[in-house]
Amino acid sequence: MKSLIYILALLIGSLTFAQNENLFEQGNTLYNNKKYAEAIDKYQAILDTGMHSSELYFNLGNAHYKLNHIAPSIYYYEKALLLNPKDKDIQNNMAYAKNMTIDAIDEVPEVGISKIVNSITNIMTYNGWAVMSVLLFVLFVLLFLTYYFAEYTVRKRMAFTASFFAIGSGLITLMLAFRSYSLDKKTNPAIVFAQESQVKSEPNLSSQELFILHEGTKVNILDTVNNWKRIKLADGKTGWISSEDIKKI
C-alpha cells in the first residue's frame, strides 16, 4: 500500500512539473508577444502550485515592470535575488525598477570593524558557515590524533600546529555562523504596495504622522501589533505602517 502511494505521489509530482514547464513556456511566449498581463497569469498559476524559482520570479518582475507596476516588479525581483543573489541580470533590472520609485532613501553606510565583519559574514549563509565549522572540528580531531600517535618530533610539531590552526578556524567559523543566523533573523524585508502610505509614531490612526512612503519602497519589519507593522528604513527611520500597505518578501 505504501509503495502504491509513493508511486502515485511520484506520478502526480511528474505531472505537476510537466504542467508547470508548459505554463512557463506559454508565459514566455506571451511575454515575447508583449502580452504581459496574460504572461503574469501563466506565471502566477505556477506559483499557485507551490513551485518557485529565481527564473520564475525574475520573469514575473519583468512582466510587471513592462506594465509599470512598480511595487510588484520590485517585489518579485527581490524574491528572485533571495534565490540567486549574485545574478547580474536580476540586479540590473532591479536598479531600473527602483528608478521608478518616488522615495529617495539614503542607506546608512557601514564603517570600521562592523563593515569588515559583515562583509565576511555575508560570504556564505549561516548553514554554510556551520558546515565549515563542523568540518574544521573534525579535521582538528584527526590532526590531534595524528599528533598523539606520531613517533617523530617533526611530525608531532606539524600535526600540533595544524590542529591548533584547525580549532582556531573552527571557532571563528562557528562565531560567523551564529552572527549570520542572528543577522538573518533580524532581516524581515517587505515592499510598500500602497501608492501612498502614512507612517505613524504609534500603531493607531490617531497617532502623529512621521512621514509618508510610496509604492516600491523597501522596508524592514521590526514588530507587529494587531494590523500594524513597525518598520525601519535603510536610513534608520522607524515608524508604524498599516499591514495592508506592505507585502513581506
Protein backbone atom coordinates (compact mmCIF):
# COMPACT_ATOMS: atom_id res chain seq x y z
CA MET A 1 0.00 0.00 0.00
CA LYS A 2 2.82 2.41 0.90
CA SER A 3 4.56 1.59 -2.38
CA LEU A 4 1.37 2.40 -4.31
CA ILE A 5 1.02 5.75 -2.51
CA TYR A 6 4.68 6.53 -3.22
CA ILE A 7 4.24 5.72 -6.92
CA LEU A 8 1.10 7.87 -7.11
CA ALA A 9 2.92 10.76 -5.43
CA LEU A 10 5.75 10.48 -7.97
CA LEU A 11 3.28 10.44 -10.85
CA ILE A 12 1.42 13.48 -9.52
CA GLY A 13 4.72 15.29 -8.97
CA SER A 14 5.88 14.47 -12.50
CA LEU A 15 2.58 15.64 -14.00
CA THR A 16 2.70 18.88 -11.99
CA PHE A 17 6.29 19.51 -13.08
CA ALA A 18 5.40 18.90 -16.74
CA GLN A 19 2.35 21.14 -16.45
CA ASN A 20 4.42 23.93 -14.88
CA GLU A 21 7.06 23.63 -17.59
CA ASN A 22 4.31 24.04 -20.16
CA LEU A 23 2.86 27.04 -18.31
CA PHE A 24 6.32 28.61 -18.09
CA GLU A 25 6.86 28.25 -21.84
CA GLN A 26 3.39 29.67 -22.52
CA GLY A 27 4.16 32.60 -20.25
CA ASN A 28 7.45 33.25 -22.04
CA THR A 29 5.71 33.17 -25.42
CA LEU A 30 3.06 35.63 -24.23
CA TYR A 31 5.78 37.88 -22.79
CA ASN A 32 7.70 37.87 -26.08
CA ASN A 33 4.45 38.79 -27.84
CA LYS A 34 4.07 41.75 -25.43
CA LYS A 35 1.02 40.22 -23.76
CA TYR A 36 2.38 40.92 -20.32
CA ALA A 37 -0.84 40.61 -18.28
CA GLU A 38 -1.56 37.18 -19.80
CA ALA A 39 2.05 36.14 -19.13
CA ILE A 40 1.64 37.12 -15.48
CA ASP A 41 -1.42 34.87 -15.23
CA LYS A 42 0.60 31.90 -16.51
CA TYR A 43 3.50 32.55 -14.14
CA GLN A 44 1.10 33.06 -11.23
CA ALA A 45 -0.56 29.73 -12.00
CA ILE A 46 2.83 28.07 -11.43
CA LEU A 47 3.23 29.81 -8.07
CA ASP A 48 -0.23 28.62 -7.08
CA THR A 49 1.02 25.01 -7.32
CA GLY A 50 3.71 25.74 -4.73
CA MET A 51 6.60 25.75 -7.22
CA HIS A 52 9.02 28.66 -7.37
CA SER A 53 12.42 29.57 -8.77
CA SER A 54 14.57 32.63 -9.37
CA GLU A 55 13.79 32.40 -13.11
CA LEU A 56 10.05 32.44 -12.43
CA TYR A 57 10.27 35.41 -10.06
CA PHE A 58 12.58 37.21 -12.50
CA ASN A 59 10.11 36.79 -15.37
CA LEU A 60 7.24 37.94 -13.14
CA GLY A 61 9.25 41.02 -12.22
CA ASN A 62 9.96 41.73 -15.88
CA ALA A 63 6.30 41.40 -16.87
CA HIS A 64 5.14 43.72 -14.09
CA TYR A 65 7.91 46.19 -14.99
CA LYS A 66 6.65 46.32 -18.59
CA LEU A 67 3.20 47.22 -17.22
CA ASN A 68 4.71 49.91 -14.95
CA HIS A 69 3.64 48.00 -11.84
CA ILE A 70 6.32 49.44 -9.56
CA ALA A 71 5.72 47.53 -6.32
CA PRO A 72 5.11 44.06 -7.84
CA SER A 73 8.15 44.32 -10.13
CA ILE A 74 10.48 45.21 -7.24
CA TYR A 75 8.82 42.61 -5.02
CA TYR A 76 9.46 39.75 -7.47
CA TYR A 77 12.99 40.94 -8.27
CA GLU A 78 13.70 40.87 -4.52
CA LYS A 79 12.37 37.32 -4.28
CA ALA A 80 14.49 36.31 -7.28
CA LEU A 81 17.58 37.78 -5.60
CA LEU A 82 16.91 35.79 -2.45
CA LEU A 83 17.29 32.61 -4.50
CA ASN A 84 20.07 33.88 -6.76
CA PRO A 85 21.74 36.89 -5.08
CA LYS A 86 24.69 37.15 -7.49
CA ASP A 87 22.70 37.23 -10.74
CA LYS A 88 23.68 40.38 -12.65
CA ASP A 89 20.53 40.48 -14.80
CA ILE A 90 18.30 40.50 -11.72
CA GLN A 91 20.44 43.19 -10.11
CA ASN A 92 20.37 45.38 -13.22
CA ASN A 93 16.60 45.07 -13.74
CA MET A 94 16.06 45.75 -10.05
CA ALA A 95 18.00 49.01 -10.44
CA TYR A 96 15.77 50.04 -13.36
CA ALA A 97 12.63 49.26 -11.37
CA LYS A 98 13.84 51.22 -8.34
CA ASN A 99 14.35 54.25 -10.58
CA MET A 100 10.54 54.42 -10.86
CA THR A 101 10.06 54.83 -7.11
CA ILE A 102 9.38 58.21 -5.53
CA ASP A 103 11.05 57.88 -2.15
CA ALA A 104 14.76 58.70 -2.11
CA ILE A 105 16.18 56.95 0.94
CA ASP A 106 19.91 57.11 1.59
CA GLU A 107 21.28 53.97 3.14
CA VAL A 108 23.36 54.47 6.27
CA PRO A 109 26.85 53.24 5.30
CA GLU A 110 28.65 50.70 7.47
CA VAL A 111 32.05 51.74 8.70
CA GLY A 112 35.00 50.30 10.56
CA ILE A 113 35.16 46.80 12.01
CA SER A 114 31.39 46.27 11.65
CA LYS A 115 31.64 46.68 7.88
CA ILE A 116 34.54 44.23 7.62
CA VAL A 117 32.84 41.60 9.83
CA ASN A 118 29.52 41.86 7.99
CA SER A 119 31.28 41.60 4.62
CA ILE A 120 32.97 38.39 5.74
CA THR A 121 29.75 37.06 7.30
CA ASN A 122 27.80 37.60 4.08
CA ILE A 123 30.20 35.48 2.03
CA MET A 124 28.13 32.41 2.99
CA THR A 125 24.83 31.61 4.67
CA TYR A 126 24.77 30.51 8.30
CA ASN A 127 24.29 26.93 7.09
CA GLY A 128 27.47 27.21 5.05
CA TRP A 129 29.45 28.57 8.00
CA ALA A 130 28.03 25.84 10.27
CA VAL A 131 29.07 23.08 7.85
CA MET A 132 32.55 24.55 7.55
CA SER A 133 32.94 24.75 11.33
CA VAL A 134 31.93 21.08 11.70
CA LEU A 135 34.46 20.05 9.05
CA LEU A 136 37.20 22.05 10.78
CA PHE A 137 36.42 20.45 14.15
CA VAL A 138 36.59 17.00 12.53
CA LEU A 139 39.92 17.97 10.98
CA PHE A 140 41.14 19.11 14.40
CA VAL A 141 40.32 15.71 15.91
CA LEU A 142 42.13 13.88 13.11
CA LEU A 143 45.20 16.12 13.40
CA PHE A 144 45.26 15.81 17.18
CA LEU A 145 45.15 12.01 16.90
CA THR A 146 47.99 12.24 14.39
CA TYR A 147 49.95 14.35 16.87
CA TYR A 148 49.20 11.97 19.76
CA PHE A 149 50.27 8.82 17.93
CA ALA A 150 53.12 10.26 15.85
CA GLU A 151 56.54 8.84 16.64
CA TYR A 152 58.74 11.55 15.15
CA THR A 153 59.19 15.00 16.67
CA VAL A 154 58.86 16.86 13.35
CA ARG A 155 55.57 15.12 12.53
CA LYS A 156 54.29 15.86 16.04
CA ARG A 157 55.07 19.56 15.68
CA MET A 158 53.45 19.79 12.26
CA ALA A 159 50.32 17.95 13.43
CA PHE A 160 50.09 20.08 16.60
CA THR A 161 50.46 23.34 14.66
CA ALA A 162 47.90 22.27 12.07
CA SER A 163 45.44 21.10 14.76
CA PHE A 164 45.81 24.44 16.58
CA PHE A 165 45.05 26.26 13.32
CA ALA A 166 42.04 23.98 12.65
CA ILE A 167 40.47 24.51 16.09
CA GLY A 168 41.03 28.27 15.86
CA SER A 169 39.48 28.44 12.40
CA GLY A 170 36.61 26.23 13.58
CA LEU A 171 35.81 28.61 16.44
CA ILE A 172 35.90 31.61 14.09
CA THR A 173 33.58 29.98 11.54
CA LEU A 174 31.25 28.93 14.37
CA MET A 175 31.02 32.55 15.55
CA LEU A 176 30.36 33.65 11.95
CA ALA A 177 27.59 31.05 11.71
CA PHE A 178 25.91 32.45 14.84
CA ARG A 179 26.34 36.02 13.60
CA SER A 180 24.91 35.14 10.18
CA TYR A 181 21.94 33.44 11.85
CA SER A 182 21.37 36.47 14.07
CA LEU A 183 21.50 38.88 11.11
CA ASP A 184 19.13 36.66 9.13
CA LYS A 185 16.61 36.66 11.99
CA LYS A 186 16.74 40.45 12.19
CA THR A 187 16.13 40.79 8.45
CA ASN A 188 12.42 40.74 7.62
CA PRO A 189 12.06 42.80 4.42
CA ALA A 190 8.83 43.95 2.81
CA ILE A 191 7.75 46.19 -0.08
CA VAL A 192 5.24 49.03 0.16
CA PHE A 193 2.35 48.21 -2.19
CA ALA A 194 0.07 51.17 -1.40
CA GLN A 195 0.51 54.14 -3.73
CA GLU A 196 0.88 56.31 -0.64
CA SER A 197 1.05 55.23 2.98
CA GLN A 198 1.31 57.22 6.20
CA VAL A 199 3.88 56.07 8.73
CA LYS A 200 2.73 56.75 12.28
CA SER A 201 4.51 57.25 15.59
CA GLU A 202 2.29 54.61 17.23
CA PRO A 203 0.20 51.65 15.98
CA ASN A 204 -3.09 53.56 15.65
CA LEU A 205 -4.69 56.00 13.22
CA SER A 206 -4.89 58.88 15.72
CA SER A 207 -1.13 58.98 16.37
CA GLN A 208 1.25 61.50 14.84
CA GLU A 209 2.25 61.12 11.19
CA LEU A 210 6.03 60.83 10.93
CA PHE A 211 6.46 60.60 7.18
CA ILE A 212 4.87 59.22 4.01
CA LEU A 213 6.07 56.28 1.92
CA HIS A 214 5.15 55.40 -1.66
CA GLU A 215 4.87 52.15 -3.55
CA GLY A 216 8.01 50.18 -4.27
CA THR A 217 9.93 51.32 -1.19
CA LYS A 218 11.69 48.55 0.70
CA VAL A 219 11.32 48.41 4.48
CA ASN A 220 12.36 46.04 7.24
CA ILE A 221 9.68 44.77 9.62
CA LEU A 222 10.67 45.03 13.28
CA ASP A 223 7.46 44.24 15.14
CA THR A 224 3.73 43.57 14.74
CA VAL A 225 0.82 44.89 16.80
CA ASN A 226 -2.63 43.89 15.57
CA ASN A 227 -2.79 45.04 11.93
CA TRP A 228 0.18 47.41 12.23
CA LYS A 229 3.84 46.79 11.44
CA ARG A 230 6.76 48.63 12.98
CA ILE A 231 9.24 49.24 10.19
CA LYS A 232 12.74 50.56 9.71
CA LEU A 233 14.12 52.24 6.60
CA ALA A 234 17.62 51.98 5.20
CA ASP A 235 18.38 55.47 6.56
CA GLY A 236 17.46 54.41 10.10
CA LYS A 237 13.98 55.98 10.35
CA THR A 238 11.34 53.90 12.12
CA GLY A 239 7.56 54.06 12.47
CA TRP A 240 4.29 52.15 12.25
CA ILE A 241 2.55 51.33 8.97
CA SER A 242 -0.68 49.50 8.18
CA SER A 243 -0.11 45.81 7.45
CA GLU A 244 -2.36 46.15 4.41
CA ASP A 245 0.02 48.64 2.80
CA ILE A 246 3.08 46.35 2.66
CA LYS A 247 3.84 42.85 1.43
CA LYS A 248 6.50 40.72 3.09
CA ILE A 249 9.16 39.36 0.74
